[in-house]
Amino acid sequence: MTDRPAERCQQSLARWRSAIEADLLARRAAVPGRKPNLRRKKGRIAVVTDSSCSLPVDRRTQEVLLGQIGANIISVPIPVMIGEQIYPETSEELDRDLPLALAQGTTVRTSRPSPGRLLESYQSLQDQGYAGVVSIHLSAKLSGTAEAARLAAGQLDFPVTVVDSRQAGLGLGHSVIDAAMTAQLGGSLARVAAAATTSAERAESLFVLPNLDQLRRGGRINAMSTLIGGLLWVKPLLQLIEGEIQPVERPRTMPRALERLHARVAQHAHGMDAPRLGVHGFGNPAQALELAEALAPLSAAPVPVVDLPPALGAHLGLGALAVSLNPALPAGS
């Protein structure tokens, strides 16, 4: 019975993946003269992102495991350092060691992928015959990944458009999916980049934390320095606003924080066209599942329950809960 929450999280992911695949097939079938299973050979656009997007990946190839929609997406790992040891973010050792390090208060840091690592991905896609790449990344106010992507793109005679999503987690992940969907439907480089930008600009990402210790250690709350003293003893409700972490409410208990999170998510969902929700947890799958089930009526699609990727979990800490909302990709995109 101890594995049941983990199994239910996997089931939520399976339903979510099936819905994405069905959406792609329906959209392809609606394109005049195009069969649903036809793979476009010329002028293909690929999508590169980083592992903060929270999409499931093949640990060996870094290809995103979302069926046909993931066939033209590559996710580049964000390195994580525990003490003095650097881990590739998709390693099983990191999955094992990170929660323990956070529980013990061991120093945990992250760094951007190197421009060289991103350049390798772009070159690989060029060699595969892609006509261009849209590279969509974690908010530049939280990481130097988008800047590394621009440096890499500048070294290559190949069209690469870099998008700073100003998002993280599935707020970024759904914008990557929208870009890949647009590419699969025959979209140009400009249209694919526009789909990613629009999805990310309209997204909302909110989260609650048991405490701010990890954010403080990682330097991710410098902009809130005047508020830290008042926030350390509450269960803050935070939001990504213009790419930065900002406090929006200061509940004093976790039940109250979750109540306010639900209310804020409902408010955003009611003002969004066919919202797609995603729920993140870190070390608390049962609590994340309970939150996802409560929010499911607000979502136009199955709600996946996804562990925070290590690059985000390293800064938010154990017990974090997050919710992302993205509007549906418009028909015909």
Protein backbone atom coordinates (compact mmCIF):
# COMPACT_ATOMS: atom_id res chain seq x y z
CA MET A 1 0.00 0.00 0.00
CA THR A 2 2.93 2.37 0.50
CA ASP A 3 3.40 2.55 -3.30
CA ARG A 4 -0.19 3.47 -4.00
CA PRO A 5 0.31 7.28 -4.16
CA ALA A 6 3.23 6.83 -6.56
CA GLU A 7 1.16 4.49 -8.72
CA ARG A 8 -1.71 6.95 -8.80
CA CYS A 9 0.66 9.72 -9.84
CA GLN A 10 1.82 7.54 -12.73
CA GLN A 11 -1.80 6.90 -13.69
CA SER A 12 -2.47 10.65 -13.76
CA LEU A 13 0.51 11.09 -16.07
CA ALA A 14 -0.74 8.32 -18.36
CA ARG A 15 -4.17 9.97 -18.68
CA TRP A 16 -2.53 13.31 -19.37
CA ARG A 17 -0.24 11.86 -22.06
CA SER A 18 -3.17 10.09 -23.73
CA ALA A 19 -5.15 13.34 -23.83
CA ILE A 20 -2.22 15.19 -25.43
CA GLU A 21 -1.81 12.49 -28.06
CA ALA A 22 -5.55 12.51 -28.82
CA ASP A 23 -5.51 16.29 -29.18
CA LEU A 24 -2.61 16.11 -31.63
CA LEU A 25 -4.31 13.45 -33.76
CA ALA A 26 -7.58 15.38 -33.81
CA ARG A 27 -5.81 18.56 -34.88
CA ARG A 28 -3.83 16.78 -37.58
CA ALA A 29 -6.99 15.13 -38.92
CA ALA A 30 -8.56 18.59 -39.23
CA VAL A 31 -5.75 19.90 -41.46
CA PRO A 32 -6.97 19.74 -45.10
CA GLY A 33 -5.15 17.09 -47.08
CA ARG A 34 -3.16 15.77 -44.15
CA LYS A 35 -3.67 12.32 -42.68
CA PRO A 36 -3.60 12.07 -38.87
CA ASN A 37 -0.51 9.84 -38.86
CA LEU A 38 1.46 11.67 -41.55
CA ARG A 39 4.94 12.72 -40.44
CA ARG A 40 6.15 15.93 -42.03
CA LYS A 41 9.52 15.45 -43.74
CA LYS A 42 10.55 18.91 -44.92
CA GLY A 43 10.76 22.19 -43.08
CA ARG A 44 10.40 20.55 -39.67
CA ILE A 45 10.88 22.67 -36.57
CA ALA A 46 12.31 21.13 -33.38
CA VAL A 47 11.86 22.29 -29.80
CA VAL A 48 14.59 22.38 -27.16
CA THR A 49 13.89 23.07 -23.50
CA ASP A 50 15.47 22.40 -20.13
CA SER A 51 14.57 19.94 -17.42
CA SER A 52 12.80 22.55 -15.29
CA CYS A 53 9.87 22.06 -17.71
CA SER A 54 8.94 18.91 -15.74
CA LEU A 55 8.13 16.83 -18.83
CA PRO A 56 8.99 13.10 -18.65
CA VAL A 57 12.24 12.29 -20.45
CA ASP A 58 14.30 9.33 -21.59
CA ARG A 59 17.33 9.50 -19.28
CA ARG A 60 19.65 8.33 -22.05
CA THR A 61 18.57 10.45 -25.03
CA GLN A 62 16.82 13.38 -23.26
CA GLU A 63 13.89 12.98 -25.66
CA VAL A 64 10.56 13.85 -24.11
CA LEU A 65 8.29 10.84 -23.55
CA LEU A 66 5.00 12.19 -24.84
CA GLY A 67 4.41 9.89 -27.80
CA GLN A 68 4.45 11.57 -31.20
CA ILE A 69 4.30 15.06 -29.68
CA GLY A 70 7.61 14.39 -27.94
CA ALA A 71 9.36 13.22 -31.09
CA ASN A 72 10.69 16.69 -31.90
CA ILE A 73 11.45 17.85 -28.31
CA ILE A 74 14.78 17.59 -26.50
CA SER A 75 15.12 18.49 -22.81
CA VAL A 76 18.59 19.54 -21.67
CA PRO A 77 19.43 18.71 -18.01
CA ILE A 78 20.11 21.46 -15.48
CA PRO A 79 23.04 20.36 -13.30
CA VAL A 80 22.50 20.07 -9.53
CA MET A 81 25.31 20.16 -6.95
CA ILE A 82 24.99 18.56 -3.51
CA GLY A 83 27.91 19.64 -1.38
CA GLU A 84 30.80 19.45 -3.83
CA GLN A 85 29.36 16.68 -6.03
CA ILE A 86 27.75 17.58 -9.36
CA TYR A 87 24.91 15.39 -10.59
CA PRO A 88 23.34 15.27 -14.04
CA GLU A 89 19.72 16.14 -13.27
CA THR A 90 18.26 12.96 -14.73
CA SER A 91 20.39 10.54 -12.68
CA GLU A 92 18.88 7.95 -10.37
CA GLU A 93 21.55 8.87 -7.81
CA LEU A 94 20.19 12.41 -7.64
CA ASP A 95 16.65 11.10 -7.16
CA ARG A 96 17.99 9.20 -4.15
CA ASP A 97 20.38 11.78 -2.68
CA LEU A 98 18.54 15.08 -3.11
CA PRO A 99 15.65 14.50 -0.67
CA LEU A 100 18.10 13.28 1.97
CA ALA A 101 20.35 16.30 1.44
CA LEU A 102 17.42 18.69 1.77
CA ALA A 103 16.21 16.96 4.93
CA GLN A 104 19.69 17.21 6.46
CA GLY A 105 20.24 20.83 5.44
CA THR A 106 23.18 20.01 3.16
CA THR A 107 24.06 22.78 0.72
CA VAL A 108 22.33 22.23 -2.63
CA ARG A 109 22.96 24.42 -5.64
CA THR A 110 22.08 24.48 -9.33
CA SER A 111 23.80 25.92 -12.38
CA ARG A 112 22.76 26.61 -15.94
CA PRO A 113 23.52 24.09 -18.69
CA SER A 114 26.68 25.10 -20.51
CA PRO A 115 26.35 26.83 -23.89
CA GLY A 116 28.35 23.92 -25.28
CA ARG A 117 25.77 21.40 -24.09
CA LEU A 118 22.96 23.37 -25.73
CA LEU A 119 25.04 23.79 -28.89
CA GLU A 120 25.37 20.00 -29.11
CA SER A 121 21.58 19.68 -29.06
CA TYR A 122 21.12 22.28 -31.79
CA GLN A 123 23.80 20.65 -33.97
CA SER A 124 22.23 17.23 -33.49
CA LEU A 125 18.85 18.54 -34.65
CA GLN A 126 20.46 20.27 -37.62
CA ASP A 127 22.14 16.99 -38.57
CA GLN A 128 18.75 15.26 -38.38
CA GLY A 129 17.42 17.57 -41.06
CA TYR A 130 15.36 20.00 -39.02
CA ALA A 131 14.88 23.44 -40.58
CA GLY A 132 15.17 25.31 -37.28
CA VAL A 133 14.80 25.18 -33.50
CA VAL A 134 12.71 27.04 -30.94
CA SER A 135 14.55 26.88 -27.60
CA ILE A 136 12.22 27.55 -24.64
CA HIS A 137 13.61 27.93 -21.15
CA LEU A 138 13.19 28.61 -17.45
CA SER A 139 12.65 32.25 -16.48
CA ALA A 140 15.82 34.28 -17.02
CA LYS A 141 15.20 35.93 -13.64
CA LEU A 142 15.67 32.53 -11.98
CA SER A 143 18.41 30.99 -14.13
CA GLY A 144 21.01 31.80 -16.77
CA THR A 145 19.74 29.00 -19.02
CA ALA A 146 18.10 31.28 -21.61
CA GLU A 147 21.29 33.35 -21.84
CA ALA A 148 23.33 30.15 -22.33
CA ALA A 149 20.92 29.20 -25.14
CA ARG A 150 21.48 32.58 -26.83
CA LEU A 151 25.24 32.17 -26.59
CA ALA A 152 24.98 28.71 -28.13
CA ALA A 153 22.65 29.88 -30.90
CA GLY A 154 25.11 32.64 -31.81
CA GLN A 155 27.80 30.04 -32.56
CA LEU A 156 25.76 28.19 -35.18
CA ASP A 157 24.75 29.04 -38.75
CA PHE A 158 21.30 27.53 -38.20
CA PRO A 159 17.99 29.21 -37.25
CA VAL A 160 17.46 29.07 -33.46
CA THR A 161 14.87 31.26 -31.74
CA VAL A 162 15.30 31.50 -27.96
CA VAL A 163 12.22 32.11 -25.80
CA ASP A 164 12.49 33.20 -22.16
CA SER A 165 9.26 31.68 -20.85
CA ARG A 166 9.32 33.61 -17.56
CA GLN A 167 7.86 30.38 -16.23
CA ALA A 168 8.95 27.15 -14.51
CA GLY A 169 7.56 23.66 -14.05
CA LEU A 170 4.53 22.74 -16.12
CA GLY A 171 3.84 26.42 -16.77
CA LEU A 172 6.91 26.08 -18.98
CA GLY A 173 6.12 22.46 -19.88
CA HIS A 174 2.72 23.22 -21.39
CA SER A 175 4.21 26.04 -23.47
CA VAL A 176 6.77 23.53 -24.79
CA ILE A 177 3.93 21.15 -25.66
CA ASP A 178 2.07 23.95 -27.46
CA ALA A 179 5.18 24.78 -29.47
CA ALA A 180 5.72 21.13 -30.39
CA MET A 181 2.05 20.75 -31.30
CA THR A 182 2.28 23.77 -33.61
CA ALA A 183 5.44 22.33 -35.19
CA GLN A 184 3.75 18.97 -35.74
CA LEU A 185 0.91 20.77 -37.51
CA GLY A 186 3.34 22.32 -39.97
CA GLY A 187 3.98 25.64 -38.25
CA SER A 188 6.90 27.84 -39.28
CA LEU A 189 9.71 28.84 -36.93
CA ALA A 190 7.90 32.10 -36.17
CA ARG A 191 4.56 30.39 -35.51
CA VAL A 192 6.14 27.80 -33.23
CA ALA A 193 7.91 30.51 -31.23
CA ALA A 194 4.69 32.55 -31.05
CA ALA A 195 2.75 29.54 -29.71
CA ALA A 196 5.34 29.05 -26.96
CA THR A 197 5.42 32.74 -26.06
CA THR A 198 1.64 33.13 -25.96
CA SER A 199 1.16 30.02 -23.82
CA ALA A 200 3.86 31.10 -21.36
CA GLU A 201 2.68 34.72 -21.16
CA ARG A 202 -0.84 33.62 -20.28
CA ALA A 203 0.25 30.94 -17.82
CA GLU A 204 0.04 31.21 -14.04
CA SER A 205 2.28 29.39 -11.56
CA LEU A 206 1.50 29.39 -7.85
CA PHE A 207 3.01 27.44 -4.97
CA VAL A 208 3.04 27.01 -1.24
CA LEU A 209 6.04 26.05 0.87
CA PRO A 210 6.36 24.71 4.42
CA ASN A 211 9.12 27.32 4.86
CA LEU A 212 11.45 29.59 2.88
CA ASP A 213 14.72 27.98 4.00
CA GLN A 214 15.71 26.56 0.60
CA LEU A 215 14.73 29.67 -1.34
CA ARG A 216 16.76 31.77 1.10
CA ARG A 217 19.81 29.49 0.90
CA GLY A 218 19.67 29.50 -2.89
CA GLY A 219 19.39 33.28 -3.13
CA ARG A 220 16.06 33.09 -4.96
CA ILE A 221 14.25 35.55 -2.66
CA ASN A 222 16.65 38.48 -2.80
CA ALA A 223 13.88 40.61 -4.29
CA MET A 224 11.80 39.92 -1.19
CA SER A 225 14.54 40.67 1.32
CA THR A 226 12.47 43.25 3.17
CA LEU A 227 9.71 40.70 3.66
CA ILE A 228 11.77 37.69 4.70
CA GLY A 229 11.53 38.38 8.41
CA GLY A 230 7.76 38.36 8.26
CA LEU A 231 7.56 35.33 5.99
CA LEU A 232 9.84 32.82 7.70
CA TRP A 233 7.21 31.96 10.29
CA VAL A 234 4.29 31.53 7.90
CA LYS A 235 3.37 29.15 5.07
CA PRO A 236 3.72 31.60 2.18
CA LEU A 237 1.62 31.51 -0.96
CA LEU A 238 3.95 32.53 -3.78
CA GLN A 239 3.54 33.21 -7.48
CA LEU A 240 5.73 33.73 -10.52
CA ILE A 241 5.04 37.30 -11.61
CA GLU A 242 6.99 38.64 -14.59
CA GLY A 243 9.36 35.73 -14.12
CA GLU A 244 10.14 36.46 -10.46
CA ILE A 245 9.01 34.76 -7.25
CA GLN A 246 6.71 37.09 -5.35
CA PRO A 247 4.62 36.54 -2.18
CA VAL A 248 0.90 37.05 -2.73
CA GLU A 249 -0.49 35.95 0.65
CA ARG A 250 0.88 35.00 4.09
CA PRO A 251 -1.23 32.21 5.61
CA ARG A 252 0.00 31.02 9.00
CA THR A 253 -0.89 27.33 8.61
CA MET A 254 -0.55 24.83 5.78
CA PRO A 255 -4.32 24.05 5.66
CA ARG A 256 -5.05 27.75 5.29
CA ALA A 257 -2.30 28.09 2.66
CA LEU A 258 -3.82 25.26 0.62
CA GLU A 259 -7.27 26.80 0.97
CA ARG A 260 -5.97 30.11 -0.39
CA LEU A 261 -4.02 28.32 -3.15
CA HIS A 262 -7.23 26.61 -4.27
CA ALA A 263 -9.09 29.92 -4.25
CA ARG A 264 -6.41 31.69 -6.28
CA VAL A 265 -6.24 28.85 -8.80
CA ALA A 266 -10.02 28.92 -9.19
CA GLN A 267 -9.93 32.66 -9.78
CA HIS A 268 -7.29 32.31 -12.51
CA ALA A 269 -9.03 29.29 -14.07
CA HIS A 270 -12.38 31.07 -14.38
CA GLY A 271 -10.68 33.88 -16.30
CA MET A 272 -8.81 31.54 -18.68
CA ASP A 273 -10.00 29.85 -21.87
CA ALA A 274 -10.10 26.05 -21.31
CA PRO A 275 -7.35 26.02 -18.66
CA ARG A 276 -5.00 23.06 -18.39
CA LEU A 277 -3.82 22.49 -14.83
CA GLY A 278 -0.81 20.62 -13.53
CA VAL A 279 0.15 19.83 -9.92
CA HIS A 280 3.66 19.43 -8.51
CA GLY A 281 4.78 18.01 -5.22
CA PHE A 282 8.15 17.12 -3.75
CA GLY A 283 8.30 14.26 -1.27
CA ASN A 284 4.55 14.46 -0.65
CA PRO A 285 2.71 12.49 -3.38
CA ALA A 286 -0.42 11.82 -1.32
CA GLN A 287 -0.86 15.52 -0.59
CA ALA A 288 -0.22 16.43 -4.24
CA LEU A 289 -2.81 13.87 -5.38
CA GLU A 290 -5.37 15.24 -2.96
CA LEU A 291 -4.77 18.75 -4.31
CA ALA A 292 -5.04 17.56 -7.93
CA GLU A 293 -8.33 15.80 -7.25
CA ALA A 294 -9.75 18.94 -5.63
CA LEU A 295 -8.69 21.08 -8.60
CA ALA A 296 -9.70 18.64 -11.36
CA PRO A 297 -13.16 20.23 -11.96
CA LEU A 298 -11.38 23.47 -12.90
CA SER A 299 -9.29 21.87 -15.66
CA ALA A 300 -10.27 21.27 -19.28
CA ALA A 301 -7.85 18.32 -19.45
CA PRO A 302 -6.59 15.56 -17.14
CA VAL A 303 -4.47 16.98 -14.31
CA PRO A 304 -1.03 15.37 -14.09
CA VAL A 305 0.68 15.01 -10.72
CA VAL A 306 4.40 15.46 -11.30
CA ASP A 307 7.35 15.54 -8.93
CA LEU A 308 9.16 18.84 -9.03
CA PRO A 309 12.29 18.33 -11.15
CA PRO A 310 15.47 18.42 -9.04
CA ALA A 311 16.46 21.88 -10.34
CA LEU A 312 13.25 23.28 -8.83
CA GLY A 313 12.98 20.94 -5.83
CA ALA A 314 16.50 21.97 -4.82
CA HIS A 315 15.24 25.53 -4.27
CA LEU A 316 11.66 24.98 -3.10
CA GLY A 317 12.43 22.14 -0.69
CA LEU A 318 10.60 19.11 0.64
CA GLY A 319 6.86 19.47 1.06
CA ALA A 320 6.43 22.09 -1.66
CA LEU A 321 3.17 22.09 -3.62
CA ALA A 322 2.73 23.95 -6.90
CA VAL A 323 -0.01 24.46 -9.47
CA SER A 324 0.36 25.62 -13.06
CA LEU A 325 -2.37 26.87 -15.39
CA ASN A 326 -2.04 27.35 -19.15
CA PRO A 327 -4.85 28.20 -21.57
CA ALA A 328 -5.66 25.68 -24.28
CA LEU A 329 -3.86 26.00 -27.59
CA PRO A 330 -6.36 27.71 -29.92
CA ALA A 331 -7.83 25.64 -32.74
CA GLY A 332 -5.93 26.04 -35.96
CA SER A 333 -2.65 26.96 -34.29
